[in-house]
Amino acid sequence: MSGLPSASWKPPMVVMETSVGVLELELYWDHAPKTCRNFAELCRRGYYNKTKFHRIIKNFMIQGGDPTATGRGGASIYGDHFDDEIHKDLKHTGAGILSMANCGPDTNGSQFFITLAPTQHLDGKHAIFARVVRGMKNVQRLGLVETNTHDRPVDDVMITSAFPADDTGGPMLSIS
């Protein structure tokens, strides 16, 4: 699966199968089109398949998207990094918000996080691009896994597969 999808390719959802259950994610194409394209295309390519949630902080967030599971790896479909798409209407108001993890302004790659609680201190610093619409119990389960002193899960917690989907949750793998 190579090549970039056409500009009209905008799957409304991503289905993420994890070792604790399924998450269905609604993408915010109107607010963060470049970020949504990056995430959906990485999912279509299988980039996140068999990767770990490498950082979990109780009552804060779950981080994944790094194929090295170190917190330092991963690249976007646009190259190493791409610019932030911060939208004033999107806020970290509660659990289930997906944002790009970064190491400063305009350093988005493949890593993302899912909030476990309101995190307004992240507003304006991390591009919000989706929300969990089904599977919040599984998000809660992820947030409760045992971690070590470095916030790494003691036992592997995996993204087994992730794929772009239509409104029914069915795969949407064609890029035309």
N, C-alpha and C. Protein backbone atom coordinates (compact mmCIF):
# COMPACT_ATOMS: atom_id res chain seq x y z
N MET A 1 0.83 -1.18 0.00
CA MET A 1 0.00 0.00 0.00
C MET A 1 0.88 1.24 0.00
N SER A 2 1.19 1.73 -1.15
CA SER A 2 2.04 2.91 -1.24
C SER A 2 1.27 4.06 -1.86
N GLY A 3 1.91 5.22 -1.91
CA GLY A 3 1.28 6.41 -2.46
C GLY A 3 0.38 7.07 -1.44
N LEU A 4 0.18 8.36 -1.64
CA LEU A 4 -0.70 9.11 -0.74
C LEU A 4 -2.12 9.06 -1.25
N PRO A 5 -3.08 9.07 -0.37
CA PRO A 5 -4.48 9.07 -0.80
C PRO A 5 -4.84 10.39 -1.48
N SER A 6 -5.88 10.33 -2.30
CA SER A 6 -6.36 11.55 -2.95
C SER A 6 -6.93 12.49 -1.90
N ALA A 7 -7.05 13.76 -2.27
CA ALA A 7 -7.56 14.76 -1.34
C ALA A 7 -9.00 14.46 -0.92
N SER A 8 -9.74 13.71 -1.74
CA SER A 8 -11.13 13.39 -1.41
C SER A 8 -11.26 12.21 -0.45
N TRP A 9 -10.16 11.49 -0.21
CA TRP A 9 -10.19 10.32 0.70
C TRP A 9 -10.21 10.82 2.13
N LYS A 10 -11.36 10.70 2.78
CA LYS A 10 -11.53 11.18 4.15
C LYS A 10 -12.36 10.18 4.94
N PRO A 11 -11.76 9.07 5.32
CA PRO A 11 -12.54 8.12 6.12
C PRO A 11 -12.98 8.78 7.42
N PRO A 12 -14.25 8.66 7.78
CA PRO A 12 -14.75 9.35 8.97
C PRO A 12 -14.26 8.76 10.29
N MET A 13 -13.81 7.50 10.25
CA MET A 13 -13.46 6.81 11.48
C MET A 13 -12.16 6.02 11.29
N VAL A 14 -11.58 5.66 12.43
CA VAL A 14 -10.53 4.66 12.49
C VAL A 14 -10.96 3.66 13.55
N VAL A 15 -10.80 2.39 13.24
CA VAL A 15 -11.04 1.33 14.22
C VAL A 15 -9.68 0.85 14.70
N MET A 16 -9.49 0.89 16.02
CA MET A 16 -8.23 0.46 16.62
C MET A 16 -8.52 -0.73 17.52
N GLU A 17 -7.97 -1.87 17.14
CA GLU A 17 -8.10 -3.07 17.95
C GLU A 17 -6.89 -3.14 18.87
N THR A 18 -7.16 -3.24 20.17
CA THR A 18 -6.08 -3.26 21.16
C THR A 18 -6.14 -4.56 21.95
N SER A 19 -5.13 -4.78 22.75
CA SER A 19 -5.11 -5.99 23.56
C SER A 19 -6.15 -5.98 24.67
N VAL A 20 -6.82 -4.85 24.90
CA VAL A 20 -7.89 -4.80 25.90
C VAL A 20 -9.27 -4.60 25.26
N GLY A 21 -9.35 -4.47 23.95
CA GLY A 21 -10.62 -4.29 23.26
C GLY A 21 -10.54 -3.25 22.17
N VAL A 22 -11.67 -3.00 21.54
CA VAL A 22 -11.75 -2.14 20.36
C VAL A 22 -12.07 -0.70 20.74
N LEU A 23 -11.42 0.25 20.03
CA LEU A 23 -11.73 1.67 20.12
C LEU A 23 -12.18 2.13 18.75
N GLU A 24 -13.28 2.86 18.68
CA GLU A 24 -13.71 3.48 17.44
C GLU A 24 -13.50 4.98 17.58
N LEU A 25 -12.77 5.54 16.62
CA LEU A 25 -12.31 6.92 16.69
C LEU A 25 -12.93 7.75 15.57
N GLU A 26 -13.55 8.86 15.91
CA GLU A 26 -14.09 9.80 14.93
C GLU A 26 -13.01 10.82 14.61
N LEU A 27 -12.71 10.99 13.32
CA LEU A 27 -11.67 11.94 12.90
C LEU A 27 -12.27 13.32 12.65
N TYR A 28 -11.55 14.37 13.03
CA TYR A 28 -11.98 15.76 12.87
C TYR A 28 -11.38 16.38 11.61
N TRP A 29 -11.83 15.93 10.46
CA TRP A 29 -11.29 16.39 9.18
C TRP A 29 -11.46 17.90 8.98
N ASP A 30 -12.56 18.48 9.44
CA ASP A 30 -12.81 19.91 9.23
C ASP A 30 -11.85 20.78 10.04
N HIS A 31 -11.33 20.26 11.13
CA HIS A 31 -10.47 21.04 12.01
C HIS A 31 -8.97 20.74 11.85
N ALA A 32 -8.66 19.52 11.46
CA ALA A 32 -7.24 19.11 11.38
C ALA A 32 -7.03 18.16 10.20
N PRO A 33 -7.23 18.65 8.97
CA PRO A 33 -7.18 17.76 7.81
C PRO A 33 -5.82 17.09 7.57
N LYS A 34 -4.75 17.81 7.76
CA LYS A 34 -3.43 17.23 7.53
C LYS A 34 -3.11 16.17 8.59
N THR A 35 -3.49 16.45 9.82
CA THR A 35 -3.27 15.51 10.92
C THR A 35 -4.13 14.26 10.73
N CYS A 36 -5.40 14.44 10.35
CA CYS A 36 -6.28 13.29 10.09
C CYS A 36 -5.74 12.45 8.94
N ARG A 37 -5.28 13.09 7.87
CA ARG A 37 -4.72 12.35 6.72
C ARG A 37 -3.51 11.54 7.16
N ASN A 38 -2.64 12.13 7.96
CA ASN A 38 -1.46 11.42 8.46
C ASN A 38 -1.87 10.19 9.27
N PHE A 39 -2.78 10.37 10.22
CA PHE A 39 -3.19 9.27 11.10
C PHE A 39 -3.91 8.17 10.31
N ALA A 40 -4.87 8.57 9.47
CA ALA A 40 -5.64 7.58 8.70
C ALA A 40 -4.75 6.82 7.73
N GLU A 41 -3.83 7.51 7.10
CA GLU A 41 -2.93 6.86 6.14
C GLU A 41 -1.95 5.92 6.85
N LEU A 42 -1.42 6.34 8.00
CA LEU A 42 -0.55 5.43 8.75
C LEU A 42 -1.33 4.18 9.17
N CYS A 43 -2.59 4.36 9.54
CA CYS A 43 -3.44 3.20 9.88
C CYS A 43 -3.65 2.32 8.65
N ARG A 44 -3.94 2.93 7.51
CA ARG A 44 -4.17 2.17 6.27
C ARG A 44 -2.94 1.35 5.90
N ARG A 45 -1.76 1.91 6.13
CA ARG A 45 -0.51 1.21 5.81
C ARG A 45 -0.14 0.13 6.82
N GLY A 46 -0.88 0.06 7.93
CA GLY A 46 -0.56 -0.92 8.97
C GLY A 46 0.58 -0.49 9.88
N TYR A 47 0.92 0.78 9.84
CA TYR A 47 2.06 1.31 10.59
C TYR A 47 1.94 1.07 12.10
N TYR A 48 0.70 1.18 12.62
CA TYR A 48 0.49 1.03 14.05
C TYR A 48 0.25 -0.43 14.48
N ASN A 49 0.07 -1.32 13.52
CA ASN A 49 -0.23 -2.71 13.85
C ASN A 49 0.93 -3.33 14.63
N LYS A 50 0.57 -4.02 15.70
CA LYS A 50 1.52 -4.72 16.56
C LYS A 50 2.52 -3.76 17.22
N THR A 51 2.06 -2.54 17.53
CA THR A 51 2.90 -1.61 18.29
C THR A 51 2.35 -1.50 19.71
N LYS A 52 3.19 -1.01 20.60
CA LYS A 52 2.84 -0.91 22.02
C LYS A 52 2.34 0.48 22.38
N PHE A 53 1.43 0.52 23.35
CA PHE A 53 1.19 1.76 24.07
C PHE A 53 2.37 1.84 25.04
N HIS A 54 3.30 2.74 24.77
CA HIS A 54 4.57 2.73 25.50
C HIS A 54 4.59 3.61 26.75
N ARG A 55 3.55 4.41 26.94
CA ARG A 55 3.53 5.32 28.10
C ARG A 55 2.08 5.49 28.55
N ILE A 56 1.83 5.22 29.81
CA ILE A 56 0.48 5.38 30.37
C ILE A 56 0.62 6.06 31.73
N ILE A 57 -0.06 7.19 31.86
CA ILE A 57 -0.05 7.91 33.13
C ILE A 57 -1.49 7.97 33.62
N LYS A 58 -1.75 7.31 34.75
CA LYS A 58 -3.09 7.21 35.31
C LYS A 58 -3.71 8.60 35.46
N ASN A 59 -4.97 8.69 35.09
CA ASN A 59 -5.75 9.94 35.16
C ASN A 59 -5.19 11.06 34.29
N PHE A 60 -4.35 10.72 33.32
CA PHE A 60 -3.79 11.73 32.42
C PHE A 60 -3.91 11.29 30.96
N MET A 61 -3.08 10.30 30.55
CA MET A 61 -3.13 9.93 29.14
C MET A 61 -2.47 8.58 28.88
N ILE A 62 -2.78 8.06 27.65
CA ILE A 62 -2.22 6.83 27.10
C ILE A 62 -1.50 7.24 25.82
N GLN A 63 -0.23 6.87 25.67
CA GLN A 63 0.53 7.29 24.49
C GLN A 63 0.94 6.07 23.66
N GLY A 64 0.83 6.21 22.35
CA GLY A 64 1.23 5.17 21.42
C GLY A 64 1.69 5.78 20.11
N GLY A 65 1.86 4.92 19.12
CA GLY A 65 2.22 5.38 17.79
C GLY A 65 3.70 5.39 17.47
N ASP A 66 4.51 4.88 18.39
CA ASP A 66 5.96 4.83 18.17
C ASP A 66 6.36 3.38 17.90
N PRO A 67 6.77 3.06 16.67
CA PRO A 67 7.12 1.67 16.37
C PRO A 67 8.34 1.16 17.15
N THR A 68 9.14 2.06 17.71
CA THR A 68 10.29 1.63 18.51
C THR A 68 9.92 1.43 19.97
N ALA A 69 8.75 1.90 20.37
CA ALA A 69 8.24 1.83 21.76
C ALA A 69 9.17 2.52 22.76
N THR A 70 9.94 3.49 22.29
CA THR A 70 10.86 4.22 23.17
C THR A 70 10.34 5.61 23.53
N GLY A 71 9.37 6.11 22.74
CA GLY A 71 8.91 7.48 22.91
C GLY A 71 9.71 8.45 22.07
N ARG A 72 10.68 7.94 21.31
CA ARG A 72 11.54 8.80 20.48
C ARG A 72 11.44 8.49 18.99
N GLY A 73 10.63 7.50 18.62
CA GLY A 73 10.58 7.06 17.23
C GLY A 73 9.33 7.48 16.50
N GLY A 74 9.31 7.15 15.23
CA GLY A 74 8.14 7.38 14.40
C GLY A 74 8.28 8.57 13.49
N ALA A 75 7.63 8.47 12.34
CA ALA A 75 7.65 9.55 11.34
C ALA A 75 6.26 9.68 10.74
N SER A 76 5.99 10.85 10.19
CA SER A 76 4.70 11.10 9.54
C SER A 76 4.77 10.67 8.08
N ILE A 77 3.63 10.74 7.41
CA ILE A 77 3.60 10.46 5.98
C ILE A 77 4.22 11.60 5.18
N TYR A 78 4.44 12.73 5.83
CA TYR A 78 5.00 13.91 5.17
C TYR A 78 6.51 14.03 5.35
N GLY A 79 7.11 13.08 6.03
CA GLY A 79 8.53 13.16 6.39
C GLY A 79 8.64 12.99 7.90
N ASP A 80 9.74 13.39 8.46
CA ASP A 80 9.91 13.21 9.90
C ASP A 80 8.81 13.90 10.71
N HIS A 81 8.59 15.20 10.44
CA HIS A 81 7.64 15.99 11.22
C HIS A 81 6.75 16.82 10.31
N PHE A 82 5.63 17.28 10.88
CA PHE A 82 4.79 18.24 10.18
C PHE A 82 4.22 19.24 11.19
N ASP A 83 3.70 20.35 10.65
CA ASP A 83 3.26 21.47 11.49
C ASP A 83 1.99 21.16 12.27
N ASP A 84 1.84 21.84 13.39
CA ASP A 84 0.65 21.73 14.23
C ASP A 84 -0.57 22.28 13.52
N GLU A 85 -1.71 21.66 13.78
CA GLU A 85 -3.01 22.19 13.37
C GLU A 85 -3.81 22.41 14.64
N ILE A 86 -3.54 23.51 15.29
CA ILE A 86 -4.23 23.85 16.53
C ILE A 86 -5.51 24.60 16.15
N HIS A 87 -6.64 24.14 16.64
CA HIS A 87 -7.92 24.77 16.33
C HIS A 87 -8.56 25.26 17.62
N LYS A 88 -8.95 26.52 17.64
CA LYS A 88 -9.48 27.16 18.86
C LYS A 88 -10.75 26.50 19.37
N ASP A 89 -11.49 25.81 18.51
CA ASP A 89 -12.74 25.18 18.93
C ASP A 89 -12.54 23.81 19.58
N LEU A 90 -11.33 23.26 19.48
CA LEU A 90 -11.07 21.93 20.03
C LEU A 90 -10.26 22.06 21.31
N LYS A 91 -10.77 21.44 22.37
CA LYS A 91 -10.13 21.53 23.69
C LYS A 91 -10.01 20.14 24.30
N HIS A 92 -9.07 19.99 25.19
CA HIS A 92 -8.87 18.75 25.94
C HIS A 92 -9.80 18.75 27.15
N THR A 93 -11.10 18.59 26.89
CA THR A 93 -12.13 18.77 27.92
C THR A 93 -12.42 17.53 28.75
N GLY A 94 -11.94 16.37 28.35
CA GLY A 94 -12.24 15.16 29.10
C GLY A 94 -11.54 13.96 28.53
N ALA A 95 -11.94 12.79 28.97
CA ALA A 95 -11.35 11.53 28.51
C ALA A 95 -11.78 11.24 27.08
N GLY A 96 -10.89 10.58 26.34
CA GLY A 96 -11.21 10.12 25.00
C GLY A 96 -10.84 11.06 23.87
N ILE A 97 -10.08 12.10 24.15
CA ILE A 97 -9.63 13.04 23.12
C ILE A 97 -8.29 12.53 22.58
N LEU A 98 -8.13 12.50 21.24
CA LEU A 98 -6.86 12.11 20.63
C LEU A 98 -6.13 13.34 20.14
N SER A 99 -4.86 13.43 20.49
CA SER A 99 -3.99 14.53 20.08
C SER A 99 -2.66 13.97 19.63
N MET A 100 -1.94 14.77 18.90
CA MET A 100 -0.59 14.39 18.48
C MET A 100 0.37 14.63 19.63
N ALA A 101 1.21 13.65 19.90
CA ALA A 101 2.31 13.82 20.85
C ALA A 101 3.42 14.54 20.11
N ASN A 102 4.14 15.40 20.79
CA ASN A 102 5.22 16.12 20.13
C ASN A 102 6.31 16.46 21.13
N CYS A 103 7.39 17.02 20.62
CA CYS A 103 8.48 17.46 21.50
C CYS A 103 8.70 18.96 21.34
N GLY A 104 7.62 19.67 21.04
CA GLY A 104 7.67 21.11 20.83
C GLY A 104 6.82 21.49 19.64
N PRO A 105 6.71 22.77 19.36
CA PRO A 105 5.88 23.22 18.24
C PRO A 105 6.31 22.60 16.91
N ASP A 106 5.31 22.20 16.13
CA ASP A 106 5.52 21.72 14.75
C ASP A 106 6.43 20.50 14.65
N THR A 107 6.33 19.60 15.62
CA THR A 107 7.16 18.37 15.61
C THR A 107 6.29 17.12 15.61
N ASN A 108 5.13 17.17 14.96
CA ASN A 108 4.25 16.01 14.88
C ASN A 108 4.84 14.95 13.97
N GLY A 109 4.73 13.70 14.40
CA GLY A 109 5.19 12.57 13.59
C GLY A 109 4.11 11.51 13.51
N SER A 110 4.32 10.39 14.20
CA SER A 110 3.33 9.32 14.22
C SER A 110 2.73 9.12 15.61
N GLN A 111 3.36 9.68 16.64
CA GLN A 111 2.90 9.42 18.00
C GLN A 111 1.68 10.26 18.35
N PHE A 112 0.81 9.65 19.15
CA PHE A 112 -0.44 10.28 19.56
C PHE A 112 -0.72 9.89 21.00
N PHE A 113 -1.67 10.59 21.60
CA PHE A 113 -2.12 10.19 22.93
C PHE A 113 -3.62 10.31 23.02
N ILE A 114 -4.18 9.55 23.97
CA ILE A 114 -5.60 9.56 24.27
C ILE A 114 -5.74 10.04 25.71
N THR A 115 -6.52 11.08 25.92
CA THR A 115 -6.67 11.61 27.28
C THR A 115 -7.52 10.68 28.15
N LEU A 116 -7.21 10.69 29.43
CA LEU A 116 -7.97 9.92 30.42
C LEU A 116 -8.78 10.83 31.33
N ALA A 117 -8.63 12.14 31.17
CA ALA A 117 -9.29 13.14 32.02
C ALA A 117 -9.14 14.49 31.32
N PRO A 118 -9.80 15.53 31.81
CA PRO A 118 -9.56 16.87 31.26
C PRO A 118 -8.08 17.24 31.41
N THR A 119 -7.52 17.81 30.35
CA THR A 119 -6.10 18.21 30.35
C THR A 119 -5.97 19.56 29.65
N GLN A 120 -6.69 20.55 30.15
CA GLN A 120 -6.72 21.86 29.50
C GLN A 120 -5.35 22.51 29.39
N HIS A 121 -4.40 22.13 30.23
CA HIS A 121 -3.06 22.72 30.14
C HIS A 121 -2.37 22.34 28.82
N LEU A 122 -2.93 21.37 28.08
CA LEU A 122 -2.37 20.98 26.78
C LEU A 122 -3.00 21.74 25.62
N ASP A 123 -4.08 22.48 25.88
CA ASP A 123 -4.74 23.24 24.81
C ASP A 123 -3.76 24.22 24.19
N GLY A 124 -3.74 24.26 22.87
CA GLY A 124 -2.85 25.16 22.14
C GLY A 124 -1.43 24.63 21.98
N LYS A 125 -1.14 23.46 22.56
CA LYS A 125 0.20 22.87 22.48
C LYS A 125 0.22 21.57 21.69
N HIS A 126 -0.92 20.89 21.61
CA HIS A 126 -1.02 19.60 20.92
C HIS A 126 -2.24 19.62 20.01
N ALA A 127 -2.05 19.18 18.78
CA ALA A 127 -3.13 19.19 17.79
C ALA A 127 -4.13 18.08 18.09
N ILE A 128 -5.36 18.47 18.39
CA ILE A 128 -6.46 17.53 18.58
C ILE A 128 -7.00 17.15 17.21
N PHE A 129 -7.19 15.84 16.98
CA PHE A 129 -7.65 15.41 15.66
C PHE A 129 -8.74 14.35 15.68
N ALA A 130 -9.12 13.85 16.84
CA ALA A 130 -10.14 12.80 16.89
C ALA A 130 -10.65 12.63 18.31
N ARG A 131 -11.68 11.79 18.43
CA ARG A 131 -12.21 11.43 19.75
C ARG A 131 -12.69 9.98 19.70
N VAL A 132 -12.71 9.35 20.85
CA VAL A 132 -13.23 7.99 20.97
C VAL A 132 -14.76 8.09 21.00
N VAL A 133 -15.42 7.43 20.05
CA VAL A 133 -16.89 7.44 20.03
C VAL A 133 -17.47 6.14 20.56
N ARG A 134 -16.70 5.06 20.50
CA ARG A 134 -17.09 3.79 21.10
C ARG A 134 -15.84 3.11 21.65
N GLY A 135 -15.99 2.54 22.84
CA GLY A 135 -14.87 1.85 23.45
C GLY A 135 -14.27 2.58 24.64
N MET A 136 -15.02 3.50 25.24
CA MET A 136 -14.48 4.25 26.39
C MET A 136 -14.17 3.34 27.57
N LYS A 137 -14.91 2.26 27.73
CA LYS A 137 -14.58 1.31 28.81
C LYS A 137 -13.19 0.72 28.58
N ASN A 138 -12.84 0.51 27.32
CA ASN A 138 -11.50 -0.01 26.99
C ASN A 138 -10.43 1.05 27.23
N VAL A 139 -10.76 2.31 26.96
CA VAL A 139 -9.83 3.40 27.29
C VAL A 139 -9.59 3.41 28.80
N GLN A 140 -10.65 3.29 29.56
CA GLN A 140 -10.51 3.26 31.02
C GLN A 140 -9.65 2.08 31.47
N ARG A 141 -9.86 0.92 30.84
CA ARG A 141 -9.04 -0.26 31.18
C ARG A 141 -7.57 0.00 30.86
N LEU A 142 -7.30 0.63 29.71
CA LEU A 142 -5.91 0.96 29.36
C LEU A 142 -5.30 1.88 30.41
N GLY A 143 -6.08 2.83 30.88
CA GLY A 143 -5.58 3.79 31.86
C GLY A 143 -5.28 3.21 33.22
N LEU A 144 -5.72 2.00 33.46
CA LEU A 144 -5.53 1.37 34.77
C LEU A 144 -4.45 0.29 34.78
N VAL A 145 -3.76 0.07 33.64
CA VAL A 145 -2.75 -0.99 33.64
C VAL A 145 -1.59 -0.61 34.56
N GLU A 146 -0.95 -1.63 35.10
CA GLU A 146 0.18 -1.40 35.99
C GLU A 146 1.37 -0.88 35.18
N THR A 147 2.01 0.16 35.70
CA THR A 147 3.18 0.75 35.03
C THR A 147 4.36 0.78 36.00
N ASN A 148 5.55 0.95 35.42
CA ASN A 148 6.75 1.08 36.25
C ASN A 148 6.98 2.55 36.61
N THR A 149 8.10 2.86 37.21
CA THR A 149 8.38 4.24 37.64
C THR A 149 8.60 5.20 36.47
N HIS A 150 8.75 4.65 35.25
CA HIS A 150 8.92 5.48 34.05
C HIS A 150 7.64 5.56 33.23
N ASP A 151 6.51 5.19 33.82
CA ASP A 151 5.19 5.22 33.18
C ASP A 151 5.05 4.24 32.02
N ARG A 152 5.89 3.23 31.97
CA ARG A 152 5.81 2.20 30.95
C ARG A 152 5.02 1.02 31.50
N PRO A 153 4.09 0.48 30.71
CA PRO A 153 3.33 -0.68 31.19
C PRO A 153 4.26 -1.84 31.56
N VAL A 154 3.97 -2.48 32.69
CA VAL A 154 4.74 -3.63 33.13
C VAL A 154 4.58 -4.78 32.14
N ASP A 155 3.35 -5.02 31.68
CA ASP A 155 3.06 -6.01 30.65
C ASP A 155 2.68 -5.26 29.38
N ASP A 156 3.09 -5.80 28.23
CA ASP A 156 2.81 -5.13 26.96
C ASP A 156 1.32 -4.91 26.76
N VAL A 157 0.98 -3.70 26.35
CA VAL A 157 -0.37 -3.33 25.96
C VAL A 157 -0.27 -2.89 24.51
N MET A 158 -0.95 -3.62 23.62
CA MET A 158 -0.70 -3.49 22.19
C MET A 158 -1.86 -2.87 21.40
N ILE A 159 -1.48 -2.24 20.30
CA ILE A 159 -2.42 -1.97 19.21
C ILE A 159 -2.24 -3.17 18.29
N THR A 160 -3.21 -4.04 18.23
CA THR A 160 -3.06 -5.23 17.38
C THR A 160 -3.30 -4.88 15.92
N SER A 161 -4.25 -3.98 15.66
CA SER A 161 -4.45 -3.47 14.30
C SER A 161 -5.23 -2.16 14.37
N ALA A 162 -5.05 -1.36 13.36
CA ALA A 162 -5.78 -0.10 13.23
C ALA A 162 -6.03 0.13 11.75
N PHE A 163 -7.26 0.51 11.41
CA PHE A 163 -7.58 0.72 10.00
C PHE A 163 -8.64 1.81 9.85
N PRO A 164 -8.56 2.56 8.73
CA PRO A 164 -9.60 3.55 8.44
C PRO A 164 -10.92 2.83 8.19
N ALA A 165 -12.02 3.47 8.60
CA ALA A 165 -13.33 2.83 8.49
C ALA A 165 -14.40 3.82 8.06
N ASP A 166 -15.48 3.25 7.51
CA ASP A 166 -16.64 4.08 7.18
C ASP A 166 -17.48 4.28 8.44
N ASP A 167 -18.64 4.89 8.30
CA ASP A 167 -19.49 5.20 9.46
C ASP A 167 -19.97 3.97 10.21
N THR A 168 -19.94 2.80 9.56
CA THR A 168 -20.40 1.57 10.20
C THR A 168 -19.26 0.82 10.88
N GLY A 169 -18.03 1.31 10.72
CA GLY A 169 -16.88 0.61 11.28
C GLY A 169 -16.24 -0.36 10.30
N GLY A 170 -16.77 -0.41 9.07
CA GLY A 170 -16.21 -1.30 8.05
C GLY A 170 -14.94 -0.73 7.46
N PRO A 171 -13.99 -1.59 7.08
CA PRO A 171 -12.70 -1.13 6.53
C PRO A 171 -12.90 -0.23 5.30
N MET A 172 -12.05 0.78 5.20
CA MET A 172 -12.07 1.72 4.08
C MET A 172 -10.63 1.89 3.63
N LEU A 173 -10.12 0.88 2.91
CA LEU A 173 -8.70 0.83 2.61
C LEU A 173 -8.33 1.39 1.24
N SER A 174 -9.30 1.58 0.36
CA SER A 174 -9.02 2.15 -0.95
C SER A 174 -8.69 3.62 -0.81
N ILE A 175 -7.72 4.11 -1.58
CA ILE A 175 -7.33 5.52 -1.46
C ILE A 175 -7.87 6.37 -2.60
N SER A 176 -8.75 5.83 -3.41
CA SER A 176 -9.29 6.65 -4.52
C SER A 176 -10.61 7.27 -4.15
